[in-house]
Amino acid sequence: MPRPPSKPSGKVTKTCPVFGCSLIGAKGKELLRSIGKKLGYKIANSRNLEGCTHLITGEERGLKQMYAKGRGIPIVNLAWLADCGEKGEWSEVQTSEQRKMFQKISFTINGTDTTVGEQNLKELVELHGGTVSKEEKSPAFFTLDKNSEKSFLHSIYTGDSLQAQGGDNDSSSNKQPNEEPKTPAPLPKFNSQSASQGSSDLLTKSTSPPPPVLLLLCKQAAPAVPPRIVLSKEKLTVGRSSKRAAADVIIDSVLIKNMISRKHATFSTIPTASTASPWEVTLCDEESTNGFFVNGIKRKQWVLSDKDIITFGGGGEIEPGWKADEINSDCVYQFHAKGQEIWSG
């Protein structure tokens, strides 16, 4: 039977929580209703979490998580919920301070060229201490459009400072009085080579920075399970079929027929402004039959960290956010965020 991840402890609070929910699945919703009926709770369907005391989610990152960070709302998971049910009372979680990371920065928004949406971007700017203007204002300004919003959202996720296009912001506050403003360093670019199913000639030393790599861990895997997957495309889909452009990289299993869907999951790799972690890789399920796991926990969408273990298939009956005692799959990979480690090792 699947079991939830390890459960955090906390002090008891008698307040009635108001939950915002994000991607907890049918089993998670049923668990919330069952426990909430006994302990008392409310559900807020607010898009921007206004009035919420908690965000309960099965994912690490997403739009609601950014609102939660901006409002100082604690983010909890299904393990916390199950723990409260066992204790018979709502456990207290630490509330973080509202982050004002964009103070002194004025933003202009190109609402016709964004993916998150102008209203969401405006609210996120203001929640995190920035101001929205129709003009580029000094001393620091930042123009939000489809290209620059990736850096903006990444800074909210990580807490890294955002390099504004003016001069007076946190990242440039140590300038000398007569020093010229520094031009922000360009983001790293993708190489133009296609994805690999294991061919080492794509891991060239000219790649700067090298793309992330997945290495196969299961030594007895089928021939249709490639030993290496290079994430050298912005969008790279894995699955058991390439017909009608279903998948870029073919993986299949001999353990269970059709365990891997034709179009199983997609890696989204975007550049960041960080030299320590130049790529942000998100793995998203493509409505596959048996899903994927990260470090033994089933996920619908997950931002990968270095050395994460990814298992494709084996989880048809398990809801996202739950951990499996045993996963029957031979499609098991380890994620290496820094491709140069693979090249040099």
C-alpha atoms as a PDB file:
ATOM      1  CA  MET A   1       0.000   0.000   0.000  1.00  0.00           C
ATOM      2  CA  PRO A   2       1.257   3.526  -0.733  1.00  0.00           C
ATOM      3  CA  ARG A   3       2.126   5.660   2.247  1.00  0.00           C
ATOM      4  CA  PRO A   4       2.667   9.402   2.571  1.00  0.00           C
ATOM      5  CA  PRO A   5       6.140  10.909   2.998  1.00  0.00           C
ATOM      6  CA  SER A   6       7.645  11.476   6.438  1.00  0.00           C
ATOM      7  CA  LYS A   7       5.454  13.755   8.519  1.00  0.00           C
ATOM      8  CA  PRO A   8       6.578  16.991  10.174  1.00  0.00           C
ATOM      9  CA  SER A   9       5.763  17.641  13.811  1.00  0.00           C
ATOM     10  CA  GLY A  10       4.549  20.926  15.259  1.00  0.00           C
ATOM     11  CA  LYS A  11       2.722  22.649  18.060  1.00  0.00           C
ATOM     12  CA  VAL A  12      -1.024  22.421  18.343  1.00  0.00           C
ATOM     13  CA  THR A  13      -3.099  25.380  17.250  1.00  0.00           C
ATOM     14  CA  LYS A  14      -6.818  25.817  17.854  1.00  0.00           C
ATOM     15  CA  THR A  15      -7.419  28.152  14.929  1.00  0.00           C
ATOM     16  CA  CYS A  16      -9.615  26.902  12.092  1.00  0.00           C
ATOM     17  CA  PRO A  17      -7.463  26.831   8.948  1.00  0.00           C
ATOM     18  CA  VAL A  18      -8.599  28.280   5.643  1.00  0.00           C
ATOM     19  CA  PHE A  19      -7.020  26.194   2.902  1.00  0.00           C
ATOM     20  CA  GLY A  20      -6.057  27.035  -0.616  1.00  0.00           C
ATOM     21  CA  CYS A  21      -5.439  23.869  -2.658  1.00  0.00           C
ATOM     22  CA  SER A  22      -3.162  23.110  -5.588  1.00  0.00           C
ATOM     23  CA  LEU A  23      -2.862  19.775  -7.398  1.00  0.00           C
ATOM     24  CA  ILE A  24      -3.613  17.422  -4.501  1.00  0.00           C
ATOM     25  CA  GLY A  25      -5.632  14.982  -6.584  1.00  0.00           C
ATOM     26  CA  ALA A  26      -8.911  13.212  -5.839  1.00  0.00           C
ATOM     27  CA  LYS A  27      -7.410  11.208  -2.963  1.00  0.00           C
ATOM     28  CA  GLY A  28      -5.978  14.351  -1.399  1.00  0.00           C
ATOM     29  CA  LYS A  29      -9.313  16.150  -1.622  1.00  0.00           C
ATOM     30  CA  GLU A  30     -11.092  13.213  -0.012  1.00  0.00           C
ATOM     31  CA  LEU A  31      -8.491  13.133   2.772  1.00  0.00           C
ATOM     32  CA  LEU A  32      -8.964  16.852   3.384  1.00  0.00           C
ATOM     33  CA  ARG A  33     -12.761  16.497   3.518  1.00  0.00           C
ATOM     34  CA  SER A  34     -12.558  13.533   5.900  1.00  0.00           C
ATOM     35  CA  ILE A  35     -10.147  15.177   8.350  1.00  0.00           C
ATOM     36  CA  GLY A  36     -11.635  18.633   7.996  1.00  0.00           C
ATOM     37  CA  LYS A  37     -15.094  17.324   8.857  1.00  0.00           C
ATOM     38  CA  LYS A  38     -13.756  16.229  12.239  1.00  0.00           C
ATOM     39  CA  LEU A  39     -11.424  19.127  13.004  1.00  0.00           C
ATOM     40  CA  GLY A  40     -13.151  22.023  11.250  1.00  0.00           C
ATOM     41  CA  TYR A  41     -11.826  23.837   8.206  1.00  0.00           C
ATOM     42  CA  LYS A  42     -12.722  26.120   5.336  1.00  0.00           C
ATOM     43  CA  ILE A  43     -11.791  26.066   1.665  1.00  0.00           C
ATOM     44  CA  ALA A  44     -10.976  29.332  -0.095  1.00  0.00           C
ATOM     45  CA  ASN A  45     -11.277  29.165  -3.858  1.00  0.00           C
ATOM     46  CA  SER A  46      -9.399  32.422  -4.249  1.00  0.00           C
ATOM     47  CA  ARG A  47      -7.091  32.417  -7.250  1.00  0.00           C
ATOM     48  CA  ASN A  48      -4.482  34.519  -5.422  1.00  0.00           C
ATOM     49  CA  LEU A  49      -4.926  32.890  -1.944  1.00  0.00           C
ATOM     50  CA  GLU A  50      -6.446  36.012  -0.428  1.00  0.00           C
ATOM     51  CA  GLY A  51      -7.884  35.119   2.994  1.00  0.00           C
ATOM     52  CA  CYS A  52      -6.050  31.764   3.197  1.00  0.00           C
ATOM     53  CA  THR A  53      -4.081  30.588   6.216  1.00  0.00           C
ATOM     54  CA  HIS A  54      -2.455  27.587   4.497  1.00  0.00           C
ATOM     55  CA  LEU A  55      -1.684  26.356   1.001  1.00  0.00           C
ATOM     56  CA  ILE A  56      -1.914  22.578   0.729  1.00  0.00           C
ATOM     57  CA  THR A  57      -0.260  21.210  -2.382  1.00  0.00           C
ATOM     58  CA  GLY A  58       1.244  18.107  -3.945  1.00  0.00           C
ATOM     59  CA  GLU A  59       3.771  20.134  -5.928  1.00  0.00           C
ATOM     60  CA  GLU A  60       6.872  22.121  -5.029  1.00  0.00           C
ATOM     61  CA  ARG A  61       6.387  25.006  -7.440  1.00  0.00           C
ATOM     62  CA  GLY A  62       3.524  26.713  -9.153  1.00  0.00           C
ATOM     63  CA  LEU A  63       1.598  29.967  -9.375  1.00  0.00           C
ATOM     64  CA  LYS A  64      -0.166  29.508  -6.033  1.00  0.00           C
ATOM     65  CA  GLN A  65       3.146  28.759  -4.335  1.00  0.00           C
ATOM     66  CA  MET A  66       4.418  32.142  -5.518  1.00  0.00           C
ATOM     67  CA  TYR A  67       1.339  33.833  -4.065  1.00  0.00           C
ATOM     68  CA  ALA A  68       1.910  31.946  -0.808  1.00  0.00           C
ATOM     69  CA  LYS A  69       5.512  33.164  -0.609  1.00  0.00           C
ATOM     70  CA  GLY A  70       4.397  36.722  -1.254  1.00  0.00           C
ATOM     71  CA  ARG A  71       1.677  36.596   1.414  1.00  0.00           C
ATOM     72  CA  GLY A  72       3.763  34.711   3.972  1.00  0.00           C
ATOM     73  CA  ILE A  73       1.324  31.768   3.906  1.00  0.00           C
ATOM     74  CA  PRO A  74       2.779  28.423   5.056  1.00  0.00           C
ATOM     75  CA  ILE A  75       2.883  25.690   2.412  1.00  0.00           C
ATOM     76  CA  VAL A  76       1.947  22.199   3.627  1.00  0.00           C
ATOM     77  CA  ASN A  77       1.587  18.802   1.950  1.00  0.00           C
ATOM     78  CA  LEU A  78      -0.554  15.699   2.250  1.00  0.00           C
ATOM     79  CA  ALA A  79       1.832  14.212   4.814  1.00  0.00           C
ATOM     80  CA  TRP A  80       1.125  17.147   7.135  1.00  0.00           C
ATOM     81  CA  LEU A  81      -2.595  16.655   6.570  1.00  0.00           C
ATOM     82  CA  ALA A  82      -2.389  12.937   7.406  1.00  0.00           C
ATOM     83  CA  ASP A  83      -0.348  13.773  10.516  1.00  0.00           C
ATOM     84  CA  CYS A  84      -3.072  16.160  11.705  1.00  0.00           C
ATOM     85  CA  GLY A  85      -5.657  13.442  11.172  1.00  0.00           C
ATOM     86  CA  GLU A  86      -3.695  10.998  13.314  1.00  0.00           C
ATOM     87  CA  LYS A  87      -3.232  13.563  16.103  1.00  0.00           C
ATOM     88  CA  GLY A  88      -6.852  14.687  15.964  1.00  0.00           C
ATOM     89  CA  GLU A  89      -5.879  18.386  15.832  1.00  0.00           C
ATOM     90  CA  TRP A  90      -4.378  20.888  13.424  1.00  0.00           C
ATOM     91  CA  SER A  91      -0.620  21.165  13.868  1.00  0.00           C
ATOM     92  CA  GLU A  92       0.977  24.577  13.788  1.00  0.00           C
ATOM     93  CA  VAL A  93       3.457  25.372  11.037  1.00  0.00           C
ATOM     94  CA  GLN A  94       5.839  28.266  10.970  1.00  0.00           C
ATOM     95  CA  THR A  95       4.570  31.309   9.104  1.00  0.00           C
ATOM     96  CA  SER A  96       7.206  33.052   7.050  1.00  0.00           C
ATOM     97  CA  GLU A  97       7.404  36.812   6.720  1.00  0.00           C
ATOM     98  CA  GLN A  98       6.008  38.397   3.591  1.00  0.00           C
ATOM     99  CA  ARG A  99       8.935  38.801   1.245  1.00  0.00           C
ATOM    100  CA  LYS A 100       9.541  42.317  -0.092  1.00  0.00           C
ATOM    101  CA  MET A 101      12.293  41.351  -2.501  1.00  0.00           C
ATOM    102  CA  PHE A 102      11.342  43.850  -5.221  1.00  0.00           C
ATOM    103  CA  GLN A 103      11.414  47.016  -3.149  1.00  0.00           C
ATOM    104  CA  LYS A 104      12.605  50.104  -5.052  1.00  0.00           C
ATOM    105  CA  ILE A 105      12.010  48.368  -8.397  1.00  0.00           C
ATOM    106  CA  SER A 106       9.383  49.677 -10.824  1.00  0.00           C
ATOM    107  CA  PHE A 107       7.934  47.156 -13.299  1.00  0.00           C
ATOM    108  CA  THR A 108       6.353  47.680 -16.685  1.00  0.00           C
ATOM    109  CA  ILE A 109       4.309  44.732 -17.988  1.00  0.00           C
ATOM    110  CA  ASN A 110       3.818  43.793 -21.614  1.00  0.00           C
ATOM    111  CA  GLY A 111       0.532  42.004 -21.034  1.00  0.00           C
ATOM    112  CA  THR A 112       0.227  40.858 -24.646  1.00  0.00           C
ATOM    113  CA  ASP A 113       3.472  38.905 -24.475  1.00  0.00           C
ATOM    114  CA  THR A 114       3.406  36.947 -21.205  1.00  0.00           C
ATOM    115  CA  THR A 115       2.437  33.365 -20.350  1.00  0.00           C
ATOM    116  CA  VAL A 116       1.448  33.826 -16.697  1.00  0.00           C
ATOM    117  CA  GLY A 117      -0.923  36.705 -17.455  1.00  0.00           C
ATOM    118  CA  GLU A 118      -0.803  40.419 -16.743  1.00  0.00           C
ATOM    119  CA  GLN A 119      -3.089  40.320 -13.683  1.00  0.00           C
ATOM    120  CA  ASN A 120      -1.046  37.589 -11.974  1.00  0.00           C
ATOM    121  CA  LEU A 121       2.233  39.358 -12.721  1.00  0.00           C
ATOM    122  CA  LYS A 122       0.912  42.669 -11.378  1.00  0.00           C
ATOM    123  CA  GLU A 123      -0.266  41.053  -8.130  1.00  0.00           C
ATOM    124  CA  LEU A 124       2.992  39.136  -7.671  1.00  0.00           C
ATOM    125  CA  VAL A 125       5.042  42.293  -8.183  1.00  0.00           C
ATOM    126  CA  GLU A 126       3.037  44.185  -5.560  1.00  0.00           C
ATOM    127  CA  LEU A 127       2.953  41.267  -3.078  1.00  0.00           C
ATOM    128  CA  HIS A 128       6.739  41.131  -3.209  1.00  0.00           C
ATOM    129  CA  GLY A 129       7.206  44.856  -2.649  1.00  0.00           C
ATOM    130  CA  GLY A 130       7.516  46.206  -6.205  1.00  0.00           C
ATOM    131  CA  THR A 131       5.451  48.780  -8.029  1.00  0.00           C
ATOM    132  CA  VAL A 132       3.824  48.606 -11.456  1.00  0.00           C
ATOM    133  CA  SER A 133       4.068  51.560 -13.820  1.00  0.00           C
ATOM    134  CA  LYS A 134       3.294  52.221 -17.454  1.00  0.00           C
ATOM    135  CA  GLU A 135       6.661  53.926 -17.805  1.00  0.00           C
ATOM    136  CA  GLU A 136      10.251  52.899 -17.169  1.00  0.00           C
ATOM    137  CA  LYS A 137      11.059  54.752 -13.975  1.00  0.00           C
ATOM    138  CA  SER A 138      14.402  55.313 -12.324  1.00  0.00           C
ATOM    139  CA  PRO A 139      16.314  54.536 -10.223  1.00  0.00           C
ATOM    140  CA  ALA A 140      15.509  50.899 -11.071  1.00  0.00           C
ATOM    141  CA  PHE A 141      13.043  49.391 -13.507  1.00  0.00           C
ATOM    142  CA  PHE A 142      12.306  45.997 -15.031  1.00  0.00           C
ATOM    143  CA  THR A 143      10.256  45.236 -18.135  1.00  0.00           C
ATOM    144  CA  LEU A 144       8.199  42.047 -17.851  1.00  0.00           C
ATOM    145  CA  ASP A 145       7.412  40.155 -21.048  1.00  0.00           C
ATOM    146  CA  LYS A 146       7.419  36.550 -22.222  1.00  0.00           C
ATOM    147  CA  ASN A 147      11.224  36.355 -22.189  1.00  0.00           C
ATOM    148  CA  SER A 148      12.050  38.201 -18.972  1.00  0.00           C
ATOM    149  CA  GLU A 149       9.254  36.700 -16.848  1.00  0.00           C
ATOM    150  CA  LYS A 150      11.275  33.466 -16.531  1.00  0.00           C
ATOM    151  CA  SER A 151      13.971  35.320 -14.598  1.00  0.00           C
ATOM    152  CA  PHE A 152      11.295  37.122 -12.574  1.00  0.00           C
ATOM    153  CA  LEU A 153       9.522  33.890 -11.539  1.00  0.00           C
ATOM    154  CA  HIS A 154      12.822  32.130 -10.855  1.00  0.00           C
ATOM    155  CA  SER A 155      13.834  34.902  -8.453  1.00  0.00           C
ATOM    156  CA  ILE A 156      10.585  34.389  -6.498  1.00  0.00           C
ATOM    157  CA  TYR A 157      11.169  30.631  -6.307  1.00  0.00           C
ATOM    158  CA  THR A 158      14.783  30.883  -5.182  1.00  0.00           C
ATOM    159  CA  GLY A 159      14.870  34.212  -3.318  1.00  0.00           C
ATOM    160  CA  ASP A 160      17.732  35.400  -5.546  1.00  0.00           C
ATOM    161  CA  SER A 161      17.916  39.132  -6.201  1.00  0.00           C
ATOM    162  CA  LEU A 162      16.524  40.327  -9.531  1.00  0.00           C
ATOM    163  CA  GLN A 163      18.863  42.371 -11.697  1.00  0.00           C
ATOM    164  CA  ALA A 164      16.823  45.448 -12.607  1.00  0.00           C
ATOM    165  CA  GLN A 165      17.564  47.472 -15.729  1.00  0.00           C
ATOM    166  CA  GLY A 166      18.148  50.657 -13.764  1.00  0.00           C
ATOM    167  CA  GLY A 167      20.852  51.274 -11.234  1.00  0.00           C
ATOM    168  CA  ASP A 168      19.569  51.394  -7.633  1.00  0.00           C
ATOM    169  CA  ASN A 169      18.586  47.930  -6.492  1.00  0.00           C
ATOM    170  CA  ASP A 170      19.871  45.289  -4.113  1.00  0.00           C
ATOM    171  CA  SER A 171      22.250  43.726  -6.601  1.00  0.00           C
ATOM    172  CA  SER A 172      23.913  47.054  -7.473  1.00  0.00           C
ATOM    173  CA  SER A 173      23.735  48.869  -4.147  1.00  0.00           C
ATOM    174  CA  ASN A 174      27.506  48.592  -3.618  1.00  0.00           C
ATOM    175  CA  LYS A 175      28.391  50.833  -6.603  1.00  0.00           C
ATOM    176  CA  GLN A 176      30.750  53.741  -6.157  1.00  0.00           C
ATOM    177  CA  PRO A 177      29.119  57.189  -6.693  1.00  0.00           C
ATOM    178  CA  ASN A 178      30.566  57.747 -10.165  1.00  0.00           C
ATOM    179  CA  GLU A 179      30.556  54.152 -11.288  1.00  0.00           C
ATOM    180  CA  GLU A 180      28.724  53.379 -14.508  1.00  0.00           C
ATOM    181  CA  PRO A 181      25.738  51.003 -14.171  1.00  0.00           C
ATOM    182  CA  LYS A 182      26.692  47.472 -15.082  1.00  0.00           C
ATOM    183  CA  THR A 183      24.885  45.722 -17.899  1.00  0.00           C
ATOM    184  CA  PRO A 184      23.174  42.548 -16.605  1.00  0.00           C
ATOM    185  CA  ALA A 185      24.987  39.412 -17.702  1.00  0.00           C
ATOM    186  CA  PRO A 186      23.147  37.605 -20.535  1.00  0.00           C
ATOM    187  CA  LEU A 187      21.370  34.395 -19.690  1.00  0.00           C
ATOM    188  CA  PRO A 188      22.991  31.185 -20.930  1.00  0.00           C
ATOM    189  CA  LYS A 189      21.784  29.939 -24.314  1.00  0.00           C
ATOM    190  CA  PHE A 190      20.722  26.489 -25.432  1.00  0.00           C
ATOM    191  CA  ASN A 191      22.971  24.745 -27.885  1.00  0.00           C
ATOM    192  CA  SER A 192      21.400  23.975 -31.227  1.00  0.00           C
ATOM    193  CA  GLN A 193      22.011  20.240 -31.149  1.00  0.00           C
ATOM    194  CA  SER A 194      19.153  17.805 -30.832  1.00  0.00           C
ATOM    195  CA  ALA A 195      18.451  15.519 -27.875  1.00  0.00           C
ATOM    196  CA  SER A 196      20.454  12.337 -27.411  1.00  0.00           C
ATOM    197  CA  GLN A 197      19.401   8.855 -26.392  1.00  0.00           C
ATOM    198  CA  GLY A 198      22.912   8.067 -25.240  1.00  0.00           C
ATOM    199  CA  SER A 199      25.264   9.232 -27.972  1.00  0.00           C
ATOM    200  CA  SER A 200      28.285  10.842 -26.314  1.00  0.00           C
ATOM    201  CA  ASP A 201      29.131  13.083 -29.261  1.00  0.00           C
ATOM    202  CA  LEU A 202      26.493  15.590 -28.118  1.00  0.00           C
ATOM    203  CA  LEU A 203      28.367  16.165 -24.851  1.00  0.00           C
ATOM    204  CA  THR A 204      30.839  18.532 -26.449  1.00  0.00           C
ATOM    205  CA  LYS A 205      33.213  20.756 -24.525  1.00  0.00           C
ATOM    206  CA  SER A 206      31.974  23.746 -26.514  1.00  0.00           C
ATOM    207  CA  THR A 207      28.622  23.605 -24.744  1.00  0.00           C
ATOM    208  CA  SER A 208      28.539  26.488 -22.258  1.00  0.00           C
ATOM    209  CA  PRO A 209      27.105  25.672 -19.836  1.00  0.00           C
ATOM    210  CA  PRO A 210      26.699  21.926 -20.543  1.00  0.00           C
ATOM    211  CA  PRO A 211      23.069  20.745 -20.565  1.00  0.00           C
ATOM    212  CA  PRO A 212      21.720  18.575 -17.720  1.00  0.00           C
ATOM    213  CA  VAL A 213      21.942  14.794 -18.135  1.00  0.00           C
ATOM    214  CA  LEU A 214      19.970  11.752 -16.951  1.00  0.00           C
ATOM    215  CA  LEU A 215      21.911   8.506 -16.413  1.00  0.00           C
ATOM    216  CA  LEU A 216      20.225   5.105 -16.311  1.00  0.00           C
ATOM    217  CA  LEU A 217      20.546   3.326 -12.944  1.00  0.00           C
ATOM    218  CA  CYS A 218      18.898  -0.009 -13.787  1.00  0.00           C
ATOM    219  CA  LYS A 219      21.666  -2.110 -15.374  1.00  0.00           C
ATOM    220  CA  GLN A 220      19.305  -4.875 -16.544  1.00  0.00           C
ATOM    221  CA  ALA A 221      17.007  -2.542 -18.451  1.00  0.00           C
ATOM    222  CA  ALA A 222      15.618  -3.309 -21.881  1.00  0.00           C
ATOM    223  CA  PRO A 223      17.486  -2.186 -25.026  1.00  0.00           C
ATOM    224  CA  ALA A 224      14.699   0.365 -25.554  1.00  0.00           C
ATOM    225  CA  VAL A 225      15.714   2.141 -22.338  1.00  0.00           C
ATOM    226  CA  PRO A 226      18.557   4.526 -23.320  1.00  0.00           C
ATOM    227  CA  PRO A 227      21.515   4.674 -20.931  1.00  0.00           C
ATOM    228  CA  ARG A 228      21.660   8.456 -21.112  1.00  0.00           C
ATOM    229  CA  ILE A 229      19.269  11.302 -21.899  1.00  0.00           C
ATOM    230  CA  VAL A 230      20.727  14.741 -22.632  1.00  0.00           C
ATOM    231  CA  LEU A 231      18.352  17.649 -21.972  1.00  0.00           C
ATOM    232  CA  SER A 232      19.689  19.826 -24.766  1.00  0.00           C
ATOM    233  CA  LYS A 233      16.266  21.062 -25.916  1.00  0.00           C
ATOM    234  CA  GLU A 234      14.010  23.548 -24.187  1.00  0.00           C
ATOM    235  CA  LYS A 235      11.164  20.997 -24.385  1.00  0.00           C
ATOM    236  CA  LEU A 236      12.015  17.306 -24.513  1.00  0.00           C
ATOM    237  CA  THR A 237       9.348  14.606 -24.317  1.00  0.00           C
ATOM    238  CA  VAL A 238       9.984  10.972 -23.416  1.00  0.00           C
ATOM    239  CA  GLY A 239       7.660   8.085 -24.289  1.00  0.00           C
ATOM    240  CA  ARG A 240       7.454   4.755 -26.028  1.00  0.00           C
ATOM    241  CA  SER A 241       6.566   6.055 -29.493  1.00  0.00           C
ATOM    242  CA  SER A 242       7.866   8.717 -31.855  1.00  0.00           C
ATOM    243  CA  LYS A 243       4.916   8.417 -34.246  1.00  0.00           C
ATOM    244  CA  ARG A 244       3.114  11.681 -34.929  1.00  0.00           C
ATOM    245  CA  ALA A 245       5.797  13.470 -32.905  1.00  0.00           C
ATOM    246  CA  ALA A 246       4.639  11.829 -29.676  1.00  0.00           C
ATOM    247  CA  ALA A 247       8.104  11.663 -28.079  1.00  0.00           C
ATOM    248  CA  ASP A 248      11.589  13.013 -28.731  1.00  0.00           C
ATOM    249  CA  VAL A 249      13.333  10.251 -26.788  1.00  0.00           C
ATOM    250  CA  ILE A 250      12.064   6.655 -26.874  1.00  0.00           C
ATOM    251  CA  ILE A 251      11.971   4.695 -23.622  1.00  0.00           C
ATOM    252  CA  ASP A 252      10.137   1.396 -23.150  1.00  0.00           C
ATOM    253  CA  SER A 253      10.015  -1.466 -20.676  1.00  0.00           C
ATOM    254  CA  VAL A 254      10.086  -5.255 -20.910  1.00  0.00           C
ATOM    255  CA  LEU A 255       8.652  -5.679 -17.394  1.00  0.00           C
ATOM    256  CA  ILE A 256       5.118  -4.545 -18.176  1.00  0.00           C
ATOM    257  CA  LYS A 257       3.655  -4.042 -21.625  1.00  0.00           C
ATOM    258  CA  ASN A 258       2.621  -0.433 -22.276  1.00  0.00           C
ATOM    259  CA  MET A 259       3.868   0.687 -18.844  1.00  0.00           C
ATOM    260  CA  ILE A 260       5.339   3.730 -20.605  1.00  0.00           C
ATOM    261  CA  SER A 261       2.772   5.823 -22.474  1.00  0.00           C
ATOM    262  CA  ARG A 262       3.295   6.954 -26.057  1.00  0.00           C
ATOM    263  CA  LYS A 263       3.819  10.495 -24.768  1.00  0.00           C
ATOM    264  CA  HIS A 264       4.756   9.972 -21.131  1.00  0.00           C
ATOM    265  CA  ALA A 265       6.411  13.098 -19.687  1.00  0.00           C
ATOM    266  CA  THR A 266       8.120  16.311 -20.773  1.00  0.00           C
ATOM    267  CA  PHE A 267      11.266  17.995 -19.473  1.00  0.00           C
ATOM    268  CA  SER A 268      11.225  21.801 -19.649  1.00  0.00           C
ATOM    269  CA  THR A 269      14.719  23.247 -19.341  1.00  0.00           C
ATOM    270  CA  ILE A 270      15.130  26.999 -18.983  1.00  0.00           C
ATOM    271  CA  PRO A 271      18.259  29.080 -18.377  1.00  0.00           C
ATOM    272  CA  THR A 272      18.694  31.017 -15.154  1.00  0.00           C
ATOM    273  CA  ALA A 273      20.890  33.934 -14.181  1.00  0.00           C
ATOM    274  CA  SER A 274      22.713  31.807 -11.596  1.00  0.00           C
ATOM    275  CA  THR A 275      26.196  30.518 -12.401  1.00  0.00           C
ATOM    276  CA  ALA A 276      25.950  27.925  -9.617  1.00  0.00           C
ATOM    277  CA  SER A 277      22.725  26.492 -11.055  1.00  0.00           C
ATOM    278  CA  PRO A 278      22.475  27.645 -14.700  1.00  0.00           C
ATOM    279  CA  TRP A 279      19.451  25.504 -15.596  1.00  0.00           C
ATOM    280  CA  GLU A 280      16.017  25.020 -14.078  1.00  0.00           C
ATOM    281  CA  VAL A 281      14.459  21.706 -15.166  1.00  0.00           C
ATOM    282  CA  THR A 282      10.787  20.906 -14.620  1.00  0.00           C
ATOM    283  CA  LEU A 283       9.381  17.424 -15.332  1.00  0.00           C
ATOM    284  CA  CYS A 284       5.673  17.356 -16.172  1.00  0.00           C
ATOM    285  CA  ASP A 285       3.426  14.326 -16.646  1.00  0.00           C
ATOM    286  CA  GLU A 286       1.654  14.156 -20.023  1.00  0.00           C
ATOM    287  CA  GLU A 287      -1.483  12.442 -18.700  1.00  0.00           C
ATOM    288  CA  SER A 288       0.362   9.116 -18.781  1.00  0.00           C
ATOM    289  CA  THR A 289      -1.242   5.928 -17.475  1.00  0.00           C
ATOM    290  CA  ASN A 290       1.445   5.072 -14.917  1.00  0.00           C
ATOM    291  CA  GLY A 291       3.060   8.436 -14.166  1.00  0.00           C
ATOM    292  CA  PHE A 292       6.510   9.092 -12.761  1.00  0.00           C
ATOM    293  CA  PHE A 293       8.191   9.237  -9.349  1.00  0.00           C
ATOM    294  CA  VAL A 294      10.876  11.541  -7.980  1.00  0.00           C
ATOM    295  CA  ASN A 295      12.788  10.005  -5.066  1.00  0.00           C
ATOM    296  CA  GLY A 296      10.001   7.457  -4.589  1.00  0.00           C
ATOM    297  CA  ILE A 297       7.125   9.968  -4.458  1.00  0.00           C
ATOM    298  CA  LYS A 298       4.672  10.205  -7.327  1.00  0.00           C
ATOM    299  CA  ARG A 299       4.506  13.626  -8.973  1.00  0.00           C
ATOM    300  CA  LYS A 300       2.460  15.335 -11.657  1.00  0.00           C
ATOM    301  CA  GLN A 301       4.965  18.159 -12.005  1.00  0.00           C
ATOM    302  CA  TRP A 302       8.278  18.671 -10.250  1.00  0.00           C
ATOM    303  CA  VAL A 303      11.285  20.982 -10.382  1.00  0.00           C
ATOM    304  CA  LEU A 304      14.298  18.690 -10.323  1.00  0.00           C
ATOM    305  CA  SER A 305      17.324  18.982  -8.039  1.00  0.00           C
ATOM    306  CA  ASP A 306      20.775  17.519  -8.605  1.00  0.00           C
ATOM    307  CA  LYS A 307      20.981  13.752  -7.975  1.00  0.00           C
ATOM    308  CA  ASP A 308      17.186  13.264  -7.902  1.00  0.00           C
ATOM    309  CA  ILE A 309      16.093   9.702  -8.776  1.00  0.00           C
ATOM    310  CA  ILE A 310      13.418   9.616 -11.484  1.00  0.00           C
ATOM    311  CA  THR A 311      11.335   6.503 -12.135  1.00  0.00           C
ATOM    312  CA  PHE A 312       9.057   6.365 -15.166  1.00  0.00           C
ATOM    313  CA  GLY A 313       5.976   4.125 -14.809  1.00  0.00           C
ATOM    314  CA  GLY A 314       4.891   1.800 -12.015  1.00  0.00           C
ATOM    315  CA  GLY A 315       2.343   4.075 -10.351  1.00  0.00           C
ATOM    316  CA  GLY A 316      -1.032   3.703 -12.029  1.00  0.00           C
ATOM    317  CA  GLU A 317      -3.041   3.422  -8.788  1.00  0.00           C
ATOM    318  CA  ILE A 318      -1.046   5.929  -6.717  1.00  0.00           C
ATOM    319  CA  GLU A 319      -2.082   9.569  -6.322  1.00  0.00           C
ATOM    320  CA  PRO A 320       0.496  12.383  -6.697  1.00  0.00           C
ATOM    321  CA  GLY A 321       2.152  13.271  -3.403  1.00  0.00           C
ATOM    322  CA  TRP A 322       2.110   9.701  -2.071  1.00  0.00           C
ATOM    323  CA  LYS A 323       5.125   7.439  -1.627  1.00  0.00           C
ATOM    324  CA  ALA A 324       5.323   3.852  -2.886  1.00  0.00           C
ATOM    325  CA  ASP A 325       7.063   1.133  -0.888  1.00  0.00           C
ATOM    326  CA  GLU A 326       8.137  -0.565  -4.100  1.00  0.00           C
ATOM    327  CA  ILE A 327       8.037   0.592  -7.732  1.00  0.00           C
ATOM    328  CA  ASN A 328       8.063  -2.047 -10.445  1.00  0.00           C
ATOM    329  CA  SER A 329       9.931  -0.306 -13.249  1.00  0.00           C
ATOM    330  CA  ASP A 330      13.201  -0.680 -15.128  1.00  0.00           C
ATOM    331  CA  CYS A 331      13.154   2.943 -16.355  1.00  0.00           C
ATOM    332  CA  VAL A 332      15.060   4.515 -13.460  1.00  0.00           C
ATOM    333  CA  TYR A 333      17.389   7.485 -13.962  1.00  0.00           C
ATOM    334  CA  GLN A 334      19.492   9.840 -11.863  1.00  0.00           C
ATOM    335  CA  PHE A 335      19.348  13.540 -12.729  1.00  0.00           C
ATOM    336  CA  HIS A 336      22.660  15.392 -13.006  1.00  0.00           C
ATOM    337  CA  ALA A 337      22.106  19.149 -13.073  1.00  0.00           C
ATOM    338  CA  LYS A 338      25.704  19.891 -14.052  1.00  0.00           C
ATOM    339  CA  GLY A 339      26.488  18.137 -17.301  1.00  0.00           C
ATOM    340  CA  GLN A 340      30.199  18.900 -16.968  1.00  0.00           C
ATOM    341  CA  GLU A 341      30.411  16.392 -14.084  1.00  0.00           C
ATOM    342  CA  ILE A 342      29.374  13.647 -16.497  1.00  0.00           C
ATOM    343  CA  TRP A 343      31.756  14.865 -19.173  1.00  0.00           C
ATOM    344  CA  SER A 344      34.730  15.018 -16.798  1.00  0.00           C
ATOM    345  CA  GLY A 345      33.803  11.851 -14.880  1.00  0.00           C
END
